[in-house]
Amino acid sequence: MENCLKEQKLGLKSDRTSTQTFEGNQLRLWFASIAYVLMNALREQCLTKTEFQNATVETIRTKLLKLGAVITITKRRVLIAISSACPYKESFATVYKCLSQLPNQLLIMT
């Protein structure tokens, strides 16, 4: 449990209080908590057979989610063009395939 709190604090900056009001800081903490739950679900369901299966939230965020791409939006689809030099394009493709096969409903974590 302590490692989860440490990972959330360091990786998602949940200890940061950037506003003067209690409500603003509480909302920021809620967003960080939701982001941690989503990243943990991503790790457990889609990153199990990749090099990111034991990665921290910070590593997943910086290496897999922060990447340069050209996004083209048409009437029927959204195209994401990743550079051919991207070192994690296979992992990104694996995660995308896994996410597209999940059912279109809210997954409840137990």
PDB file of N, CA and C in Angstrom:
ATOM      1  N   MET A   1       0.824  -1.191   0.000  1.00  0.00           N
ATOM      2  CA  MET A   1       0.000   0.000   0.000  1.00  0.00           C
ATOM      3  C   MET A   1       0.866   1.253   0.000  1.00  0.00           C
ATOM      4  N   GLU A   2       1.947   1.231   0.756  1.00  0.00           N
ATOM      5  CA  GLU A   2       2.810   2.404   0.824  1.00  0.00           C
ATOM      6  C   GLU A   2       3.464   2.691  -0.515  1.00  0.00           C
ATOM      7  N   ASN A   3       3.809   1.645  -1.268  1.00  0.00           N
ATOM      8  CA  ASN A   3       4.412   1.857  -2.579  1.00  0.00           C
ATOM      9  C   ASN A   3       3.417   2.472  -3.549  1.00  0.00           C
ATOM     10  N   CYS A   4       2.142   2.111  -3.435  1.00  0.00           N
ATOM     11  CA  CYS A   4       1.116   2.710  -4.292  1.00  0.00           C
ATOM     12  C   CYS A   4       0.985   4.202  -4.012  1.00  0.00           C
ATOM     13  N   LEU A   5       0.987   4.565  -2.736  1.00  0.00           N
ATOM     14  CA  LEU A   5       0.896   5.978  -2.378  1.00  0.00           C
ATOM     15  C   LEU A   5       2.125   6.741  -2.840  1.00  0.00           C
ATOM     16  N   LYS A   6       3.294   6.132  -2.689  1.00  0.00           N
ATOM     17  CA  LYS A   6       4.527   6.773  -3.129  1.00  0.00           C
ATOM     18  C   LYS A   6       4.536   6.951  -4.641  1.00  0.00           C
ATOM     19  N   GLU A   7       4.078   5.933  -5.361  1.00  0.00           N
ATOM     20  CA  GLU A   7       4.035   6.020  -6.819  1.00  0.00           C
ATOM     21  C   GLU A   7       3.056   7.100  -7.272  1.00  0.00           C
ATOM     22  N   GLN A   8       1.909   7.188  -6.610  1.00  0.00           N
ATOM     23  CA  GLN A   8       0.938   8.222  -6.957  1.00  0.00           C
ATOM     24  C   GLN A   8       1.486   9.606  -6.634  1.00  0.00           C
ATOM     25  N   LYS A   9       2.162   9.732  -5.519  1.00  0.00           N
ATOM     26  CA  LYS A   9       2.694  11.027  -5.111  1.00  0.00           C
ATOM     27  C   LYS A   9       3.797  11.494  -6.050  1.00  0.00           C
ATOM     28  N   LEU A  10       4.722  10.603  -6.399  1.00  0.00           N
ATOM     29  CA  LEU A  10       5.850  10.992  -7.235  1.00  0.00           C
ATOM     30  C   LEU A  10       5.494  11.017  -8.719  1.00  0.00           C
ATOM     31  N   GLY A  11       4.736  10.034  -9.186  1.00  0.00           N
ATOM     32  CA  GLY A  11       4.457   9.931 -10.608  1.00  0.00           C
ATOM     33  C   GLY A  11       3.376  10.863 -11.105  1.00  0.00           C
ATOM     34  N   LEU A  12       2.378  11.124 -10.275  1.00  0.00           N
ATOM     35  CA  LEU A  12       1.247  11.948 -10.706  1.00  0.00           C
ATOM     36  C   LEU A  12       1.161  13.267  -9.959  1.00  0.00           C
ATOM     37  N   LYS A  13       2.148  13.539  -9.134  1.00  0.00           N
ATOM     38  CA  LYS A  13       2.230  14.812  -8.400  1.00  0.00           C
ATOM     39  C   LYS A  13       0.967  15.082  -7.576  1.00  0.00           C
ATOM     40  N   SER A  14       0.492  14.061  -6.876  1.00  0.00           N
ATOM     41  CA  SER A  14      -0.738  14.227  -6.102  1.00  0.00           C
ATOM     42  C   SER A  14      -0.524  15.046  -4.832  1.00  0.00           C
ATOM     43  N   ASP A  15       0.719  15.275  -4.444  1.00  0.00           N
ATOM     44  CA  ASP A  15       0.978  16.070  -3.247  1.00  0.00           C
ATOM     45  C   ASP A  15       1.057  17.564  -3.544  1.00  0.00           C
ATOM     46  N   ARG A  16       0.909  17.931  -4.789  1.00  0.00           N
ATOM     47  CA  ARG A  16       1.038  19.323  -5.192  1.00  0.00           C
ATOM     48  C   ARG A  16      -0.251  20.078  -4.871  1.00  0.00           C
ATOM     49  N   THR A  17      -0.126  21.168  -4.172  1.00  0.00           N
ATOM     50  CA  THR A  17      -1.270  22.022  -3.870  1.00  0.00           C
ATOM     51  C   THR A  17      -1.044  23.343  -4.587  1.00  0.00           C
ATOM     52  N   SER A  18      -1.622  23.472  -5.758  1.00  0.00           N
ATOM     53  CA  SER A  18      -1.314  24.617  -6.602  1.00  0.00           C
ATOM     54  C   SER A  18      -2.347  25.734  -6.528  1.00  0.00           C
ATOM     55  N   THR A  19      -3.409  25.549  -5.776  1.00  0.00           N
ATOM     56  CA  THR A  19      -4.405  26.611  -5.650  1.00  0.00           C
ATOM     57  C   THR A  19      -4.513  27.042  -4.195  1.00  0.00           C
ATOM     58  N   GLN A  20      -5.197  28.142  -3.985  1.00  0.00           N
ATOM     59  CA  GLN A  20      -5.350  28.681  -2.636  1.00  0.00           C
ATOM     60  C   GLN A  20      -6.545  28.082  -1.901  1.00  0.00           C
ATOM     61  N   THR A  21      -7.454  27.455  -2.634  1.00  0.00           N
ATOM     62  CA  THR A  21      -8.676  26.959  -2.007  1.00  0.00           C
ATOM     63  C   THR A  21      -8.587  25.465  -1.728  1.00  0.00           C
ATOM     64  N   PHE A  22      -9.301  25.052  -0.713  1.00  0.00           N
ATOM     65  CA  PHE A  22      -9.362  23.640  -0.362  1.00  0.00           C
ATOM     66  C   PHE A  22     -10.028  22.835  -1.468  1.00  0.00           C
ATOM     67  N   GLU A  23     -11.108  23.371  -2.028  1.00  0.00           N
ATOM     68  CA  GLU A  23     -11.857  22.652  -3.058  1.00  0.00           C
ATOM     69  C   GLU A  23     -11.013  22.418  -4.307  1.00  0.00           C
ATOM     70  N   GLY A  24     -10.227  23.414  -4.695  1.00  0.00           N
ATOM     71  CA  GLY A  24      -9.358  23.258  -5.861  1.00  0.00           C
ATOM     72  C   GLY A  24      -8.303  22.191  -5.649  1.00  0.00           C
ATOM     73  N   ASN A  25      -7.707  22.177  -4.475  1.00  0.00           N
ATOM     74  CA  ASN A  25      -6.703  21.161  -4.168  1.00  0.00           C
ATOM     75  C   ASN A  25      -7.330  19.778  -4.038  1.00  0.00           C
ATOM     76  N   GLN A  26      -8.548  19.714  -3.506  1.00  0.00           N
ATOM     77  CA  GLN A  26      -9.245  18.437  -3.406  1.00  0.00           C
ATOM     78  C   GLN A  26      -9.565  17.892  -4.793  1.00  0.00           C
ATOM     79  N   LEU A  27      -9.994  18.756  -5.700  1.00  0.00           N
ATOM     80  CA  LEU A  27     -10.285  18.329  -7.068  1.00  0.00           C
ATOM     81  C   LEU A  27      -9.023  17.817  -7.755  1.00  0.00           C
ATOM     82  N   ARG A  28      -7.907  18.495  -7.532  1.00  0.00           N
ATOM     83  CA  ARG A  28      -6.639  18.045  -8.112  1.00  0.00           C
ATOM     84  C   ARG A  28      -6.256  16.664  -7.573  1.00  0.00           C
ATOM     85  N   LEU A  29      -6.471  16.432  -6.286  1.00  0.00           N
ATOM     86  CA  LEU A  29      -6.184  15.130  -5.691  1.00  0.00           C
ATOM     87  C   LEU A  29      -7.104  14.053  -6.259  1.00  0.00           C
ATOM     88  N   TRP A  30      -8.365  14.380  -6.489  1.00  0.00           N
ATOM     89  CA  TRP A  30      -9.289  13.423  -7.111  1.00  0.00           C
ATOM     90  C   TRP A  30      -8.829  13.060  -8.513  1.00  0.00           C
ATOM     91  N   PHE A  31      -8.428  14.068  -9.286  1.00  0.00           N
ATOM     92  CA  PHE A  31      -7.940  13.795 -10.643  1.00  0.00           C
ATOM     93  C   PHE A  31      -6.706  12.904 -10.610  1.00  0.00           C
ATOM     94  N   ALA A  32      -5.798  13.151  -9.680  1.00  0.00           N
ATOM     95  CA  ALA A  32      -4.601  12.319  -9.556  1.00  0.00           C
ATOM     96  C   ALA A  32      -4.974  10.894  -9.160  1.00  0.00           C
ATOM     97  N   SER A  33      -5.956  10.747  -8.295  1.00  0.00           N
ATOM     98  CA  SER A  33      -6.393   9.408  -7.885  1.00  0.00           C
ATOM     99  C   SER A  33      -7.052   8.659  -9.038  1.00  0.00           C
ATOM    100  N   ILE A  34      -7.879   9.345  -9.803  1.00  0.00           N
ATOM    101  CA  ILE A  34      -8.515   8.715 -10.967  1.00  0.00           C
ATOM    102  C   ILE A  34      -7.460   8.335 -11.996  1.00  0.00           C
ATOM    103  N   ALA A  35      -6.489   9.214 -12.206  1.00  0.00           N
ATOM    104  CA  ALA A  35      -5.411   8.911 -13.160  1.00  0.00           C
ATOM    105  C   ALA A  35      -4.614   7.698 -12.707  1.00  0.00           C
ATOM    106  N   TYR A  36      -4.375   7.569 -11.409  1.00  0.00           N
ATOM    107  CA  TYR A  36      -3.637   6.412 -10.910  1.00  0.00           C
ATOM    108  C   TYR A  36      -4.425   5.124 -11.136  1.00  0.00           C
ATOM    109  N   VAL A  37      -5.724   5.154 -10.877  1.00  0.00           N
ATOM    110  CA  VAL A  37      -6.555   3.964 -11.085  1.00  0.00           C
ATOM    111  C   VAL A  37      -6.551   3.572 -12.562  1.00  0.00           C
ATOM    112  N   LEU A  38      -6.672   4.554 -13.454  1.00  0.00           N
ATOM    113  CA  LEU A  38      -6.658   4.264 -14.889  1.00  0.00           C
ATOM    114  C   LEU A  38      -5.309   3.718 -15.346  1.00  0.00           C
ATOM    115  N   MET A  39      -4.218   4.302 -14.856  1.00  0.00           N
ATOM    116  CA  MET A  39      -2.883   3.825 -15.240  1.00  0.00           C
ATOM    117  C   MET A  39      -2.635   2.422 -14.704  1.00  0.00           C
ATOM    118  N   ASN A  40      -3.108   2.143 -13.498  1.00  0.00           N
ATOM    119  CA  ASN A  40      -2.940   0.810 -12.930  1.00  0.00           C
ATOM    120  C   ASN A  40      -3.760  -0.216 -13.708  1.00  0.00           C
ATOM    121  N   ALA A  41      -4.977   0.148 -14.110  1.00  0.00           N
ATOM    122  CA  ALA A  41      -5.794  -0.749 -14.934  1.00  0.00           C
ATOM    123  C   ALA A  41      -5.144  -0.974 -16.292  1.00  0.00           C
ATOM    124  N   LEU A  42      -4.560   0.065 -16.866  1.00  0.00           N
ATOM    125  CA  LEU A  42      -3.844  -0.074 -18.133  1.00  0.00           C
ATOM    126  C   LEU A  42      -2.678  -1.034 -17.977  1.00  0.00           C
ATOM    127  N   ARG A  43      -1.940  -0.903 -16.891  1.00  0.00           N
ATOM    128  CA  ARG A  43      -0.796  -1.780 -16.638  1.00  0.00           C
ATOM    129  C   ARG A  43      -1.239  -3.227 -16.461  1.00  0.00           C
ATOM    130  N   GLU A  44      -2.312  -3.448 -15.704  1.00  0.00           N
ATOM    131  CA  GLU A  44      -2.763  -4.810 -15.424  1.00  0.00           C
ATOM    132  C   GLU A  44      -3.430  -5.480 -16.618  1.00  0.00           C
ATOM    133  N   GLN A  45      -4.134  -4.720 -17.452  1.00  0.00           N
ATOM    134  CA  GLN A  45      -4.910  -5.332 -18.527  1.00  0.00           C
ATOM    135  C   GLN A  45      -4.225  -5.291 -19.883  1.00  0.00           C
ATOM    136  N   CYS A  46      -3.396  -4.303 -20.144  1.00  0.00           N
ATOM    137  CA  CYS A  46      -2.845  -4.156 -21.494  1.00  0.00           C
ATOM    138  C   CYS A  46      -1.323  -4.233 -21.564  1.00  0.00           C
ATOM    139  N   LEU A  47      -0.648  -4.043 -20.471  1.00  0.00           N
ATOM    140  CA  LEU A  47       0.814  -4.026 -20.506  1.00  0.00           C
ATOM    141  C   LEU A  47       1.439  -5.289 -19.934  1.00  0.00           C
ATOM    142  N   THR A  48       0.669  -6.362 -19.801  1.00  0.00           N
ATOM    143  CA  THR A  48       1.179  -7.562 -19.137  1.00  0.00           C
ATOM    144  C   THR A  48       2.275  -8.261 -19.927  1.00  0.00           C
ATOM    145  N   LYS A  49       2.231  -8.214 -21.236  1.00  0.00           N
ATOM    146  CA  LYS A  49       3.226  -8.921 -22.041  1.00  0.00           C
ATOM    147  C   LYS A  49       4.151  -7.964 -22.781  1.00  0.00           C
ATOM    148  N   THR A  50       4.364  -6.800 -22.214  1.00  0.00           N
ATOM    149  CA  THR A  50       5.265  -5.827 -22.821  1.00  0.00           C
ATOM    150  C   THR A  50       6.389  -5.510 -21.855  1.00  0.00           C
ATOM    151  N   GLU A  51       7.285  -4.659 -22.288  1.00  0.00           N
ATOM    152  CA  GLU A  51       8.393  -4.262 -21.424  1.00  0.00           C
ATOM    153  C   GLU A  51       7.954  -3.332 -20.302  1.00  0.00           C
ATOM    154  N   PHE A  52       6.713  -2.871 -20.343  1.00  0.00           N
ATOM    155  CA  PHE A  52       6.193  -1.962 -19.326  1.00  0.00           C
ATOM    156  C   PHE A  52       5.345  -2.665 -18.273  1.00  0.00           C
ATOM    157  N   GLN A  53       5.399  -3.980 -18.181  1.00  0.00           N
ATOM    158  CA  GLN A  53       4.534  -4.696 -17.242  1.00  0.00           C
ATOM    159  C   GLN A  53       4.869  -4.392 -15.785  1.00  0.00           C
ATOM    160  N   ASN A  54       6.105  -4.051 -15.483  1.00  0.00           N
ATOM    161  CA  ASN A  54       6.483  -3.701 -14.116  1.00  0.00           C
ATOM    162  C   ASN A  54       6.889  -2.243 -13.993  1.00  0.00           C
ATOM    163  N   ALA A  55       6.546  -1.437 -14.978  1.00  0.00           N
ATOM    164  CA  ALA A  55       6.958  -0.036 -14.991  1.00  0.00           C
ATOM    165  C   ALA A  55       6.125   0.785 -14.017  1.00  0.00           C
ATOM    166  N   THR A  56       6.714   1.865 -13.561  1.00  0.00           N
ATOM    167  CA  THR A  56       5.992   2.783 -12.688  1.00  0.00           C
ATOM    168  C   THR A  56       5.079   3.669 -13.520  1.00  0.00           C
ATOM    169  N   VAL A  57       4.205   4.381 -12.839  1.00  0.00           N
ATOM    170  CA  VAL A  57       3.292   5.296 -13.512  1.00  0.00           C
ATOM    171  C   VAL A  57       4.080   6.362 -14.264  1.00  0.00           C
ATOM    172  N   GLU A  58       5.118   6.871 -13.657  1.00  0.00           N
ATOM    173  CA  GLU A  58       5.951   7.904 -14.291  1.00  0.00           C
ATOM    174  C   GLU A  58       6.594   7.383 -15.573  1.00  0.00           C
ATOM    175  N   THR A  59       7.087   6.151 -15.560  1.00  0.00           N
ATOM    176  CA  THR A  59       7.711   5.568 -16.749  1.00  0.00           C
ATOM    177  C   THR A  59       6.694   5.370 -17.861  1.00  0.00           C
ATOM    178  N   ILE A  60       5.528   4.868 -17.530  1.00  0.00           N
ATOM    179  CA  ILE A  60       4.480   4.674 -18.533  1.00  0.00           C
ATOM    180  C   ILE A  60       4.078   6.018 -19.130  1.00  0.00           C
ATOM    181  N   ARG A  61       3.946   7.013 -18.288  1.00  0.00           N
ATOM    182  CA  ARG A  61       3.523   8.338 -18.752  1.00  0.00           C
ATOM    183  C   ARG A  61       4.563   8.979 -19.661  1.00  0.00           C
ATOM    184  N   THR A  62       5.830   8.912 -19.273  1.00  0.00           N
ATOM    185  CA  THR A  62       6.852   9.597 -20.060  1.00  0.00           C
ATOM    186  C   THR A  62       7.267   8.837 -21.307  1.00  0.00           C
ATOM    187  N   LYS A  63       7.282   7.520 -21.260  1.00  0.00           N
ATOM    188  CA  LYS A  63       7.775   6.756 -22.406  1.00  0.00           C
ATOM    189  C   LYS A  63       6.683   6.286 -23.354  1.00  0.00           C
ATOM    190  N   LEU A  64       5.480   6.081 -22.863  1.00  0.00           N
ATOM    191  CA  LEU A  64       4.436   5.518 -23.709  1.00  0.00           C
ATOM    192  C   LEU A  64       3.364   6.538 -24.087  1.00  0.00           C
ATOM    193  N   LEU A  65       3.007   7.409 -23.172  1.00  0.00           N
ATOM    194  CA  LEU A  65       1.921   8.342 -23.448  1.00  0.00           C
ATOM    195  C   LEU A  65       2.385   9.697 -23.959  1.00  0.00           C
ATOM    196  N   LYS A  66       3.586  10.105 -23.617  1.00  0.00           N
ATOM    197  CA  LYS A  66       4.127  11.371 -24.108  1.00  0.00           C
ATOM    198  C   LYS A  66       4.973  11.099 -25.338  1.00  0.00           C
ATOM    199  N   LEU A  67       4.349  11.064 -26.487  1.00  0.00           N
ATOM    200  CA  LEU A  67       5.116  10.835 -27.696  1.00  0.00           C
ATOM    201  C   LEU A  67       4.624  11.770 -28.785  1.00  0.00           C
ATOM    202  N   GLY A  68       5.535  12.119 -29.665  1.00  0.00           N
ATOM    203  CA  GLY A  68       5.189  13.005 -30.765  1.00  0.00           C
ATOM    204  C   GLY A  68       4.456  12.245 -31.846  1.00  0.00           C
ATOM    205  N   ALA A  69       3.358  12.789 -32.289  1.00  0.00           N
ATOM    206  CA  ALA A  69       2.565  12.143 -33.332  1.00  0.00           C
ATOM    207  C   ALA A  69       1.787  13.210 -34.085  1.00  0.00           C
ATOM    208  N   VAL A  70       1.386  12.864 -35.282  1.00  0.00           N
ATOM    209  CA  VAL A  70       0.510  13.719 -36.073  1.00  0.00           C
ATOM    210  C   VAL A  70      -0.879  13.097 -36.031  1.00  0.00           C
ATOM    211  N   ILE A  71      -1.844  13.866 -35.558  1.00  0.00           N
ATOM    212  CA  ILE A  71      -3.210  13.370 -35.428  1.00  0.00           C
ATOM    213  C   ILE A  71      -4.069  14.022 -36.500  1.00  0.00           C
ATOM    214  N   THR A  72      -4.721  13.200 -37.293  1.00  0.00           N
ATOM    215  CA  THR A  72      -5.608  13.671 -38.350  1.00  0.00           C
ATOM    216  C   THR A  72      -7.024  13.210 -38.027  1.00  0.00           C
ATOM    217  N   ILE A  73      -7.943  14.157 -37.948  1.00  0.00           N
ATOM    218  CA  ILE A  73      -9.328  13.842 -37.615  1.00  0.00           C
ATOM    219  C   ILE A  73     -10.175  14.035 -38.867  1.00  0.00           C
ATOM    220  N   THR A  74     -10.851  12.973 -39.274  1.00  0.00           N
ATOM    221  CA  THR A  74     -11.774  13.045 -40.401  1.00  0.00           C
ATOM    222  C   THR A  74     -13.185  12.810 -39.887  1.00  0.00           C
ATOM    223  N   LYS A  75     -14.137  12.734 -40.793  1.00  0.00           N
ATOM    224  CA  LYS A  75     -15.524  12.511 -40.370  1.00  0.00           C
ATOM    225  C   LYS A  75     -15.738  11.128 -39.784  1.00  0.00           C
ATOM    226  N   ARG A  76     -14.974  10.157 -40.254  1.00  0.00           N
ATOM    227  CA  ARG A  76     -15.208   8.774 -39.844  1.00  0.00           C
ATOM    228  C   ARG A  76     -14.181   8.208 -38.889  1.00  0.00           C
ATOM    229  N   ARG A  77     -13.003   8.779 -38.820  1.00  0.00           N
ATOM    230  CA  ARG A  77     -11.963   8.173 -37.986  1.00  0.00           C
ATOM    231  C   ARG A  77     -10.942   9.195 -37.524  1.00  0.00           C
ATOM    232  N   VAL A  78     -10.172   8.763 -36.542  1.00  0.00           N
ATOM    233  CA  VAL A  78      -9.051   9.540 -36.036  1.00  0.00           C
ATOM    234  C   VAL A  78      -7.787   8.755 -36.355  1.00  0.00           C
ATOM    235  N   LEU A  79      -6.885   9.363 -37.102  1.00  0.00           N
ATOM    236  CA  LEU A  79      -5.638   8.705 -37.490  1.00  0.00           C
ATOM    237  C   LEU A  79      -4.491   9.256 -36.653  1.00  0.00           C
ATOM    238  N   ILE A  80      -3.694   8.357 -36.102  1.00  0.00           N
ATOM    239  CA  ILE A  80      -2.523   8.737 -35.318  1.00  0.00           C
ATOM    240  C   ILE A  80      -1.300   8.229 -36.057  1.00  0.00           C
ATOM    241  N   ALA A  81      -0.458   9.148 -36.509  1.00  0.00           N
ATOM    242  CA  ALA A  81       0.760   8.786 -37.236  1.00  0.00           C
ATOM    243  C   ALA A  81       1.955   8.988 -36.312  1.00  0.00           C
ATOM    244  N   ILE A  82       2.568   7.878 -35.918  1.00  0.00           N
ATOM    245  CA  ILE A  82       3.734   7.911 -35.040  1.00  0.00           C
ATOM    246  C   ILE A  82       4.981   7.821 -35.904  1.00  0.00           C
ATOM    247  N   SER A  83       6.022   8.482 -35.487  1.00  0.00           N
ATOM    248  CA  SER A  83       7.277   8.449 -36.225  1.00  0.00           C
ATOM    249  C   SER A  83       7.818   7.022 -36.303  1.00  0.00           C
ATOM    250  N   SER A  84       8.442   6.695 -37.413  1.00  0.00           N
ATOM    251  CA  SER A  84       9.023   5.355 -37.566  1.00  0.00           C
ATOM    252  C   SER A  84      10.228   5.162 -36.653  1.00  0.00           C
ATOM    253  N   ALA A  85      10.771   6.250 -36.122  1.00  0.00           N
ATOM    254  CA  ALA A  85      11.916   6.163 -35.220  1.00  0.00           C
ATOM    255  C   ALA A  85      11.509   6.053 -33.754  1.00  0.00           C
ATOM    256  N   CYS A  86      10.229   5.980 -33.472  1.00  0.00           N
ATOM    257  CA  CYS A  86       9.750   5.878 -32.090  1.00  0.00           C
ATOM    258  C   CYS A  86      10.205   4.547 -31.494  1.00  0.00           C
ATOM    259  N   PRO A  87      10.931   4.568 -30.374  1.00  0.00           N
ATOM    260  CA  PRO A  87      11.459   3.313 -29.831  1.00  0.00           C
ATOM    261  C   PRO A  87      10.401   2.406 -29.206  1.00  0.00           C
ATOM    262  N   TYR A  88       9.235   2.928 -28.891  1.00  0.00           N
ATOM    263  CA  TYR A  88       8.219   2.129 -28.208  1.00  0.00           C
ATOM    264  C   TYR A  88       6.977   1.931 -29.070  1.00  0.00           C
ATOM    265  N   LYS A  89       7.121   1.959 -30.395  1.00  0.00           N
ATOM    266  CA  LYS A  89       5.943   1.863 -31.257  1.00  0.00           C
ATOM    267  C   LYS A  89       5.282   0.493 -31.190  1.00  0.00           C
ATOM    268  N   GLU A  90       6.055  -0.572 -30.960  1.00  0.00           N
ATOM    269  CA  GLU A  90       5.452  -1.899 -30.832  1.00  0.00           C
ATOM    270  C   GLU A  90       4.610  -1.992 -29.566  1.00  0.00           C
ATOM    271  N   SER A  91       5.127  -1.441 -28.472  1.00  0.00           N
ATOM    272  CA  SER A  91       4.363  -1.440 -27.221  1.00  0.00           C
ATOM    273  C   SER A  91       3.111  -0.587 -27.355  1.00  0.00           C
ATOM    274  N   PHE A  92       3.237   0.557 -28.023  1.00  0.00           N
ATOM    275  CA  PHE A  92       2.079   1.419 -28.241  1.00  0.00           C
ATOM    276  C   PHE A  92       1.021   0.697 -29.070  1.00  0.00           C
ATOM    277  N   ALA A  93       1.447  -0.022 -30.105  1.00  0.00           N
ATOM    278  CA  ALA A  93       0.504  -0.771 -30.946  1.00  0.00           C
ATOM    279  C   ALA A  93      -0.174  -1.879 -30.150  1.00  0.00           C
ATOM    280  N   THR A  94       0.573  -2.547 -29.278  1.00  0.00           N
ATOM    281  CA  THR A  94       0.001  -3.597 -28.435  1.00  0.00           C
ATOM    282  C   THR A  94      -1.051  -3.026 -27.493  1.00  0.00           C
ATOM    283  N   VAL A  95      -0.740  -1.898 -26.874  1.00  0.00           N
ATOM    284  CA  VAL A  95      -1.685  -1.258 -25.957  1.00  0.00           C
ATOM    285  C   VAL A  95      -2.924  -0.794 -26.716  1.00  0.00           C
ATOM    286  N   TYR A  96      -2.726  -0.199 -27.880  1.00  0.00           N
ATOM    287  CA  TYR A  96      -3.867   0.264 -28.682  1.00  0.00           C
ATOM    288  C   TYR A  96      -4.776  -0.899 -29.071  1.00  0.00           C
ATOM    289  N   LYS A  97      -4.176  -1.996 -29.481  1.00  0.00           N
ATOM    290  CA  LYS A  97      -4.965  -3.173 -29.866  1.00  0.00           C
ATOM    291  C   LYS A  97      -5.744  -3.715 -28.669  1.00  0.00           C
ATOM    292  N   CYS A  98      -5.102  -3.766 -27.522  1.00  0.00           N
ATOM    293  CA  CYS A  98      -5.757  -4.259 -26.309  1.00  0.00           C
ATOM    294  C   CYS A  98      -6.907  -3.339 -25.899  1.00  0.00           C
ATOM    295  N   LEU A  99      -6.682  -2.028 -25.949  1.00  0.00           N
ATOM    296  CA  LEU A  99      -7.731  -1.083 -25.570  1.00  0.00           C
ATOM    297  C   LEU A  99      -8.907  -1.117 -26.538  1.00  0.00           C
ATOM    298  N   SER A 100      -8.629  -1.324 -27.807  1.00  0.00           N
ATOM    299  CA  SER A 100      -9.725  -1.358 -28.778  1.00  0.00           C
ATOM    300  C   SER A 100     -10.559  -2.630 -28.649  1.00  0.00           C
ATOM    301  N   GLN A 101     -10.017  -3.677 -28.029  1.00  0.00           N
ATOM    302  CA  GLN A 101     -10.762  -4.918 -27.848  1.00  0.00           C
ATOM    303  C   GLN A 101     -11.531  -4.972 -26.534  1.00  0.00           C
ATOM    304  N   LEU A 102     -11.302  -4.016 -25.647  1.00  0.00           N
ATOM    305  CA  LEU A 102     -12.052  -3.985 -24.394  1.00  0.00           C
ATOM    306  C   LEU A 102     -13.506  -3.630 -24.682  1.00  0.00           C
ATOM    307  N   PRO A 103     -14.418  -4.120 -23.872  1.00  0.00           N
ATOM    308  CA  PRO A 103     -15.828  -3.773 -24.093  1.00  0.00           C
ATOM    309  C   PRO A 103     -16.059  -2.284 -23.852  1.00  0.00           C
ATOM    310  N   ASN A 104     -17.052  -1.757 -24.506  1.00  0.00           N
ATOM    311  CA  ASN A 104     -17.362  -0.330 -24.399  1.00  0.00           C
ATOM    312  C   ASN A 104     -18.224  -0.057 -23.171  1.00  0.00           C
ATOM    313  N   GLN A 105     -17.685  -0.355 -22.023  1.00  0.00           N
ATOM    314  CA  GLN A 105     -18.374  -0.090 -20.774  1.00  0.00           C
ATOM    315  C   GLN A 105     -17.342   0.276 -19.725  1.00  0.00           C
ATOM    316  N   LEU A 106     -17.805   0.839 -18.655  1.00  0.00           N
ATOM    317  CA  LEU A 106     -16.923   1.232 -17.573  1.00  0.00           C
ATOM    318  C   LEU A 106     -16.443  -0.012 -16.840  1.00  0.00           C
ATOM    319  N   LEU A 107     -15.122  -0.152 -16.711  1.00  0.00           N
ATOM    320  CA  LEU A 107     -14.563  -1.300 -16.003  1.00  0.00           C
ATOM    321  C   LEU A 107     -14.452  -0.956 -14.527  1.00  0.00           C
ATOM    322  N   ILE A 108     -15.061  -1.747 -13.696  1.00  0.00           N
ATOM    323  CA  ILE A 108     -15.030  -1.537 -12.258  1.00  0.00           C
ATOM    324  C   ILE A 108     -13.872  -2.344 -11.690  1.00  0.00           C
ATOM    325  N   MET A 109     -12.980  -1.660 -10.998  1.00  0.00           N
ATOM    326  CA  MET A 109     -11.843  -2.335 -10.368  1.00  0.00           C
ATOM    327  C   MET A 109     -12.273  -2.816  -8.986  1.00  0.00           C
ATOM    328  N   THR A 110     -11.939  -4.050  -8.662  1.00  0.00           N
ATOM    329  CA  THR A 110     -12.278  -4.580  -7.339  1.00  0.00           C
ATOM    330  C   THR A 110     -11.030  -4.840  -6.558  1.00  0.00           C
TER     331      THR A 110
END
